[in-house]
Amino acid sequence: MLYTVLSLLGVLGALTVAAELIAKGTEELEGAIGQGMAGGVVLGFLTALPETIVVVVAVLNSAGDVALGSAIGGNVILFTLGIGLVGLVYVKKWKSPLKMVGDYSVEYNFLVLSTL
C-alpha cells in the first residue's frame, strides 16, 4: 500500500515537472514560430500523442476493439465534456452567457467530421 501511494506521488510529481517544462518550452517557441503554431500544432500534437500511442499499441497487439474505442472515445469525451466544461467555467467566472462572435461554420463542420 505504501509503495502504491509513493508511486502515485512520484508520478504526479513527474507529471507536474513535465507540464511545467512543456509550458515554458511552448512559450519560448511562440517567439520563433508564432502563438498559433506553437499552441495549435505543437501542443495539439503533444496532447494527442499518448492517445495515439494507445491506439498504435492496441493495433499491434491485434486489439482492434480497444483501438477503435480509444480513438473514438477520446474525441467524444473531449468534445462533450471539454467544451461543456469550458462553457460552465466561463459562465461561473464572468457571470454572463458565453457569446461567440463571428462565423464558426467551418470550424464546426471540421469538428463534426473529425469526430466521425
N, C-alpha and C. Protein backbone atom coordinates (compact mmCIF):
# COMPACT_ATOMS: atom_id res chain seq x y z
N MET A 1 0.82 -1.20 0.00
CA MET A 1 0.00 0.00 0.00
C MET A 1 0.87 1.26 0.00
N LEU A 2 1.89 1.26 0.84
CA LEU A 2 2.78 2.41 0.92
C LEU A 2 3.50 2.62 -0.42
N TYR A 3 3.91 1.51 -1.04
CA TYR A 3 4.58 1.59 -2.33
C TYR A 3 3.66 2.22 -3.38
N THR A 4 2.39 1.85 -3.36
CA THR A 4 1.42 2.39 -4.32
C THR A 4 1.25 3.90 -4.13
N VAL A 5 1.13 4.33 -2.89
CA VAL A 5 0.96 5.76 -2.60
C VAL A 5 2.21 6.53 -3.01
N LEU A 6 3.38 5.99 -2.69
CA LEU A 6 4.63 6.66 -3.06
C LEU A 6 4.80 6.71 -4.58
N SER A 7 4.41 5.63 -5.25
CA SER A 7 4.47 5.61 -6.72
C SER A 7 3.55 6.66 -7.31
N LEU A 8 2.34 6.77 -6.76
CA LEU A 8 1.40 7.77 -7.24
C LEU A 8 1.95 9.18 -7.05
N LEU A 9 2.50 9.45 -5.88
CA LEU A 9 3.08 10.77 -5.62
C LEU A 9 4.26 11.05 -6.55
N GLY A 10 5.08 10.04 -6.81
CA GLY A 10 6.21 10.20 -7.73
C GLY A 10 5.76 10.51 -9.14
N VAL A 11 4.74 9.79 -9.60
CA VAL A 11 4.22 10.02 -10.95
C VAL A 11 3.58 11.40 -11.05
N LEU A 12 2.83 11.80 -10.02
CA LEU A 12 2.22 13.13 -10.03
C LEU A 12 3.28 14.23 -10.03
N GLY A 13 4.36 14.02 -9.29
CA GLY A 13 5.46 14.99 -9.29
C GLY A 13 6.12 15.08 -10.65
N ALA A 14 6.39 13.93 -11.27
CA ALA A 14 7.00 13.91 -12.60
C ALA A 14 6.08 14.56 -13.63
N LEU A 15 4.79 14.31 -13.51
CA LEU A 15 3.82 14.91 -14.42
C LEU A 15 3.78 16.42 -14.27
N THR A 16 3.86 16.89 -13.05
CA THR A 16 3.88 18.34 -12.79
C THR A 16 5.11 18.99 -13.40
N VAL A 17 6.26 18.37 -13.21
CA VAL A 17 7.51 18.90 -13.78
C VAL A 17 7.43 18.89 -15.31
N ALA A 18 6.94 17.80 -15.89
CA ALA A 18 6.83 17.71 -17.35
C ALA A 18 5.88 18.78 -17.89
N ALA A 19 4.76 19.00 -17.22
CA ALA A 19 3.81 20.02 -17.67
C ALA A 19 4.44 21.41 -17.63
N GLU A 20 5.20 21.67 -16.59
CA GLU A 20 5.87 22.97 -16.48
C GLU A 20 6.90 23.15 -17.60
N LEU A 21 7.67 22.10 -17.89
CA LEU A 21 8.66 22.17 -18.96
C LEU A 21 8.00 22.37 -20.32
N ILE A 22 6.89 21.69 -20.55
CA ILE A 22 6.17 21.85 -21.81
C ILE A 22 5.63 23.27 -21.94
N ALA A 23 5.07 23.81 -20.87
CA ALA A 23 4.53 25.17 -20.90
C ALA A 23 5.63 26.19 -21.18
N LYS A 24 6.76 26.06 -20.50
CA LYS A 24 7.87 27.01 -20.72
C LYS A 24 8.46 26.86 -22.12
N GLY A 25 8.59 25.62 -22.58
CA GLY A 25 9.11 25.39 -23.92
C GLY A 25 8.21 25.97 -24.99
N THR A 26 6.91 25.83 -24.80
CA THR A 26 5.96 26.39 -25.76
C THR A 26 6.00 27.91 -25.77
N GLU A 27 6.15 28.51 -24.60
CA GLU A 27 6.28 29.97 -24.53
C GLU A 27 7.50 30.45 -25.30
N GLU A 28 8.60 29.73 -25.20
CA GLU A 28 9.81 30.11 -25.94
C GLU A 28 9.62 29.92 -27.44
N LEU A 29 8.88 28.88 -27.83
CA LEU A 29 8.63 28.64 -29.24
C LEU A 29 7.74 29.70 -29.87
N GLU A 30 6.88 30.31 -29.07
CA GLU A 30 5.96 31.32 -29.60
C GLU A 30 6.68 32.45 -30.31
N GLY A 31 7.82 32.85 -29.79
CA GLY A 31 8.58 33.93 -30.43
C GLY A 31 9.12 33.53 -31.79
N ALA A 32 9.48 32.26 -31.94
CA ALA A 32 10.09 31.81 -33.18
C ALA A 32 9.06 31.42 -34.24
N ILE A 33 8.02 30.71 -33.85
CA ILE A 33 7.08 30.19 -34.85
C ILE A 33 5.68 30.78 -34.74
N GLY A 34 5.43 31.63 -33.77
CA GLY A 34 4.13 32.26 -33.62
C GLY A 34 3.25 31.53 -32.61
N GLN A 35 2.34 32.29 -32.03
CA GLN A 35 1.49 31.75 -30.98
C GLN A 35 0.54 30.67 -31.50
N GLY A 36 -0.05 30.90 -32.66
CA GLY A 36 -0.99 29.93 -33.22
C GLY A 36 -0.32 28.61 -33.54
N MET A 37 0.87 28.68 -34.11
CA MET A 37 1.58 27.46 -34.47
C MET A 37 2.04 26.71 -33.22
N ALA A 38 2.56 27.43 -32.26
CA ALA A 38 3.05 26.79 -31.03
C ALA A 38 1.90 26.19 -30.24
N GLY A 39 0.85 26.96 -30.06
CA GLY A 39 -0.28 26.47 -29.28
C GLY A 39 -1.12 25.46 -30.01
N GLY A 40 -1.38 25.72 -31.27
CA GLY A 40 -2.26 24.84 -32.03
C GLY A 40 -1.62 23.56 -32.49
N VAL A 41 -0.43 23.65 -33.03
CA VAL A 41 0.19 22.47 -33.62
C VAL A 41 1.03 21.72 -32.60
N VAL A 42 1.97 22.40 -31.96
CA VAL A 42 2.88 21.72 -31.03
C VAL A 42 2.12 21.16 -29.84
N LEU A 43 1.33 21.99 -29.17
CA LEU A 43 0.58 21.50 -28.01
C LEU A 43 -0.50 20.50 -28.42
N GLY A 44 -1.09 20.71 -29.58
CA GLY A 44 -2.06 19.74 -30.08
C GLY A 44 -1.43 18.38 -30.31
N PHE A 45 -0.24 18.37 -30.89
CA PHE A 45 0.48 17.12 -31.11
C PHE A 45 0.83 16.45 -29.78
N LEU A 46 1.36 17.23 -28.84
CA LEU A 46 1.74 16.66 -27.55
C LEU A 46 0.53 16.16 -26.77
N THR A 47 -0.59 16.81 -26.92
CA THR A 47 -1.81 16.38 -26.24
C THR A 47 -2.33 15.07 -26.82
N ALA A 48 -2.26 14.93 -28.13
CA ALA A 48 -2.79 13.74 -28.79
C ALA A 48 -1.83 12.55 -28.76
N LEU A 49 -0.57 12.78 -28.45
CA LEU A 49 0.43 11.72 -28.51
C LEU A 49 0.13 10.51 -27.62
N PRO A 50 -0.21 10.67 -26.35
CA PRO A 50 -0.48 9.48 -25.52
C PRO A 50 -1.66 8.66 -26.04
N GLU A 51 -2.70 9.32 -26.47
CA GLU A 51 -3.86 8.61 -27.01
C GLU A 51 -3.50 7.88 -28.30
N THR A 52 -2.68 8.50 -29.12
CA THR A 52 -2.25 7.87 -30.36
C THR A 52 -1.40 6.64 -30.08
N ILE A 53 -0.54 6.72 -29.07
CA ILE A 53 0.29 5.58 -28.70
C ILE A 53 -0.57 4.41 -28.24
N VAL A 54 -1.63 4.69 -27.48
CA VAL A 54 -2.54 3.63 -27.05
C VAL A 54 -3.17 2.94 -28.26
N VAL A 55 -3.60 3.72 -29.24
CA VAL A 55 -4.21 3.15 -30.44
C VAL A 55 -3.20 2.30 -31.21
N VAL A 56 -1.98 2.80 -31.39
CA VAL A 56 -0.96 2.06 -32.13
C VAL A 56 -0.61 0.75 -31.42
N VAL A 57 -0.42 0.80 -30.12
CA VAL A 57 -0.09 -0.42 -29.36
C VAL A 57 -1.24 -1.41 -29.43
N ALA A 58 -2.47 -0.92 -29.34
CA ALA A 58 -3.63 -1.82 -29.43
C ALA A 58 -3.70 -2.49 -30.79
N VAL A 59 -3.44 -1.75 -31.85
CA VAL A 59 -3.45 -2.33 -33.20
C VAL A 59 -2.34 -3.36 -33.34
N LEU A 60 -1.15 -3.05 -32.84
CA LEU A 60 -0.03 -4.00 -32.92
C LEU A 60 -0.30 -5.28 -32.13
N ASN A 61 -1.13 -5.19 -31.10
CA ASN A 61 -1.49 -6.36 -30.29
C ASN A 61 -2.81 -6.99 -30.74
N SER A 62 -3.26 -6.64 -31.93
CA SER A 62 -4.50 -7.16 -32.52
C SER A 62 -5.72 -6.93 -31.64
N ALA A 63 -5.75 -5.81 -30.96
CA ALA A 63 -6.90 -5.45 -30.13
C ALA A 63 -7.63 -4.29 -30.81
N GLY A 64 -8.27 -4.61 -31.93
CA GLY A 64 -8.96 -3.58 -32.70
C GLY A 64 -10.06 -2.88 -31.94
N ASP A 65 -10.74 -3.62 -31.06
CA ASP A 65 -11.82 -3.00 -30.28
C ASP A 65 -11.29 -1.94 -29.33
N VAL A 66 -10.13 -2.19 -28.74
CA VAL A 66 -9.51 -1.21 -27.85
C VAL A 66 -9.06 0.01 -28.66
N ALA A 67 -8.47 -0.23 -29.83
CA ALA A 67 -8.00 0.87 -30.68
C ALA A 67 -9.16 1.75 -31.12
N LEU A 68 -10.24 1.13 -31.57
CA LEU A 68 -11.40 1.89 -32.02
C LEU A 68 -12.05 2.65 -30.87
N GLY A 69 -12.19 1.98 -29.73
CA GLY A 69 -12.77 2.64 -28.57
C GLY A 69 -11.96 3.82 -28.10
N SER A 70 -10.64 3.68 -28.12
CA SER A 70 -9.77 4.77 -27.69
C SER A 70 -9.82 5.92 -28.69
N ALA A 71 -9.79 5.60 -29.97
CA ALA A 71 -9.78 6.65 -30.99
C ALA A 71 -11.08 7.44 -30.99
N ILE A 72 -12.20 6.77 -30.90
CA ILE A 72 -13.49 7.46 -30.94
C ILE A 72 -13.84 8.04 -29.57
N GLY A 73 -13.60 7.26 -28.52
CA GLY A 73 -13.97 7.70 -27.18
C GLY A 73 -13.26 8.95 -26.74
N GLY A 74 -12.00 9.08 -27.10
CA GLY A 74 -11.25 10.28 -26.72
C GLY A 74 -11.85 11.54 -27.32
N ASN A 75 -12.22 11.47 -28.59
CA ASN A 75 -12.85 12.64 -29.23
C ASN A 75 -14.20 12.96 -28.63
N VAL A 76 -14.99 11.93 -28.37
CA VAL A 76 -16.32 12.16 -27.81
C VAL A 76 -16.21 12.82 -26.44
N ILE A 77 -15.34 12.30 -25.59
CA ILE A 77 -15.16 12.88 -24.26
C ILE A 77 -14.62 14.31 -24.36
N LEU A 78 -13.63 14.51 -25.21
CA LEU A 78 -13.04 15.84 -25.34
C LEU A 78 -14.06 16.87 -25.82
N PHE A 79 -14.83 16.51 -26.83
CA PHE A 79 -15.75 17.48 -27.41
C PHE A 79 -17.00 17.68 -26.58
N THR A 80 -17.41 16.70 -25.81
CA THR A 80 -18.61 16.89 -24.98
C THR A 80 -18.24 17.47 -23.63
N LEU A 81 -17.44 16.76 -22.88
CA LEU A 81 -17.07 17.25 -21.55
C LEU A 81 -16.16 18.47 -21.63
N GLY A 82 -15.21 18.46 -22.55
CA GLY A 82 -14.27 19.57 -22.66
C GLY A 82 -14.94 20.88 -23.00
N ILE A 83 -15.74 20.88 -24.05
CA ILE A 83 -16.41 22.11 -24.46
C ILE A 83 -17.46 22.52 -23.43
N GLY A 84 -18.18 21.55 -22.89
CA GLY A 84 -19.18 21.86 -21.86
C GLY A 84 -18.55 22.44 -20.62
N LEU A 85 -17.41 21.89 -20.21
CA LEU A 85 -16.72 22.38 -19.02
C LEU A 85 -16.20 23.80 -19.22
N VAL A 86 -15.68 24.08 -20.40
CA VAL A 86 -15.22 25.44 -20.71
C VAL A 86 -16.38 26.42 -20.61
N GLY A 87 -17.53 26.04 -21.16
CA GLY A 87 -18.71 26.90 -21.09
C GLY A 87 -19.17 27.14 -19.66
N LEU A 88 -19.19 26.08 -18.85
CA LEU A 88 -19.61 26.22 -17.45
C LEU A 88 -18.65 27.11 -16.66
N VAL A 89 -17.36 26.92 -16.86
CA VAL A 89 -16.38 27.74 -16.15
C VAL A 89 -16.51 29.20 -16.56
N TYR A 90 -16.71 29.45 -17.85
CA TYR A 90 -16.87 30.82 -18.33
C TYR A 90 -18.07 31.49 -17.67
N VAL A 91 -19.21 30.81 -17.69
CA VAL A 91 -20.44 31.38 -17.12
C VAL A 91 -20.27 31.60 -15.62
N LYS A 92 -19.64 30.67 -14.94
CA LYS A 92 -19.45 30.79 -13.49
C LYS A 92 -18.49 31.93 -13.15
N LYS A 93 -17.40 32.06 -13.92
CA LYS A 93 -16.39 33.07 -13.60
C LYS A 93 -16.85 34.48 -13.97
N TRP A 94 -17.38 34.66 -15.18
CA TRP A 94 -17.73 36.00 -15.64
C TRP A 94 -19.21 36.33 -15.46
N LYS A 95 -19.99 35.38 -15.00
CA LYS A 95 -21.41 35.58 -14.70
C LYS A 95 -22.18 36.20 -15.87
N SER A 96 -21.85 35.75 -17.06
CA SER A 96 -22.59 36.18 -18.25
C SER A 96 -22.59 35.02 -19.23
N PRO A 97 -23.58 34.98 -20.12
CA PRO A 97 -23.62 33.88 -21.09
C PRO A 97 -22.43 33.95 -22.05
N LEU A 98 -22.01 32.80 -22.50
CA LEU A 98 -20.91 32.71 -23.44
C LEU A 98 -21.41 33.12 -24.82
N LYS A 99 -20.80 34.14 -25.41
CA LYS A 99 -21.20 34.64 -26.72
C LYS A 99 -20.09 34.36 -27.71
N MET A 100 -20.45 33.77 -28.83
CA MET A 100 -19.48 33.51 -29.89
C MET A 100 -19.64 34.60 -30.94
N VAL A 101 -18.58 35.32 -31.19
CA VAL A 101 -18.61 36.40 -32.16
C VAL A 101 -17.93 35.90 -33.43
N GLY A 102 -18.61 36.03 -34.53
CA GLY A 102 -18.03 35.61 -35.79
C GLY A 102 -18.69 34.35 -36.31
N ASP A 103 -18.29 33.96 -37.51
CA ASP A 103 -18.84 32.78 -38.16
C ASP A 103 -17.92 31.60 -37.91
N TYR A 104 -18.42 30.61 -37.22
CA TYR A 104 -17.63 29.42 -36.90
C TYR A 104 -18.12 28.19 -37.65
N SER A 105 -18.77 28.38 -38.79
CA SER A 105 -19.33 27.24 -39.51
C SER A 105 -18.25 26.31 -40.03
N VAL A 106 -17.12 26.84 -40.48
CA VAL A 106 -16.04 25.99 -40.97
C VAL A 106 -15.47 25.15 -39.82
N GLU A 107 -15.22 25.79 -38.69
CA GLU A 107 -14.70 25.07 -37.54
C GLU A 107 -15.69 24.03 -37.04
N TYR A 108 -16.96 24.39 -37.02
CA TYR A 108 -17.99 23.46 -36.57
C TYR A 108 -18.05 22.23 -37.47
N ASN A 109 -18.04 22.45 -38.79
CA ASN A 109 -18.08 21.32 -39.72
C ASN A 109 -16.84 20.44 -39.57
N PHE A 110 -15.68 21.05 -39.41
CA PHE A 110 -14.46 20.27 -39.23
C PHE A 110 -14.52 19.47 -37.93
N LEU A 111 -15.06 20.07 -36.89
CA LEU A 111 -15.20 19.39 -35.60
C LEU A 111 -16.08 18.16 -35.74
N VAL A 112 -17.21 18.30 -36.43
CA VAL A 112 -18.12 17.17 -36.61
C VAL A 112 -17.46 16.09 -37.47
N LEU A 113 -16.83 16.48 -38.57
CA LEU A 113 -16.20 15.50 -39.45
C LEU A 113 -15.02 14.78 -38.79
N SER A 114 -14.24 15.50 -38.01
CA SER A 114 -13.09 14.86 -37.36
C SER A 114 -13.52 13.90 -36.27
N THR A 115 -14.69 14.10 -35.71
CA THR A 115 -15.20 13.19 -34.69
C THR A 115 -15.68 11.89 -35.32
N LEU A 116 -16.21 11.99 -36.54
CA LEU A 116 -16.70 10.78 -37.22
C LEU A 116 -15.53 9.95 -37.66
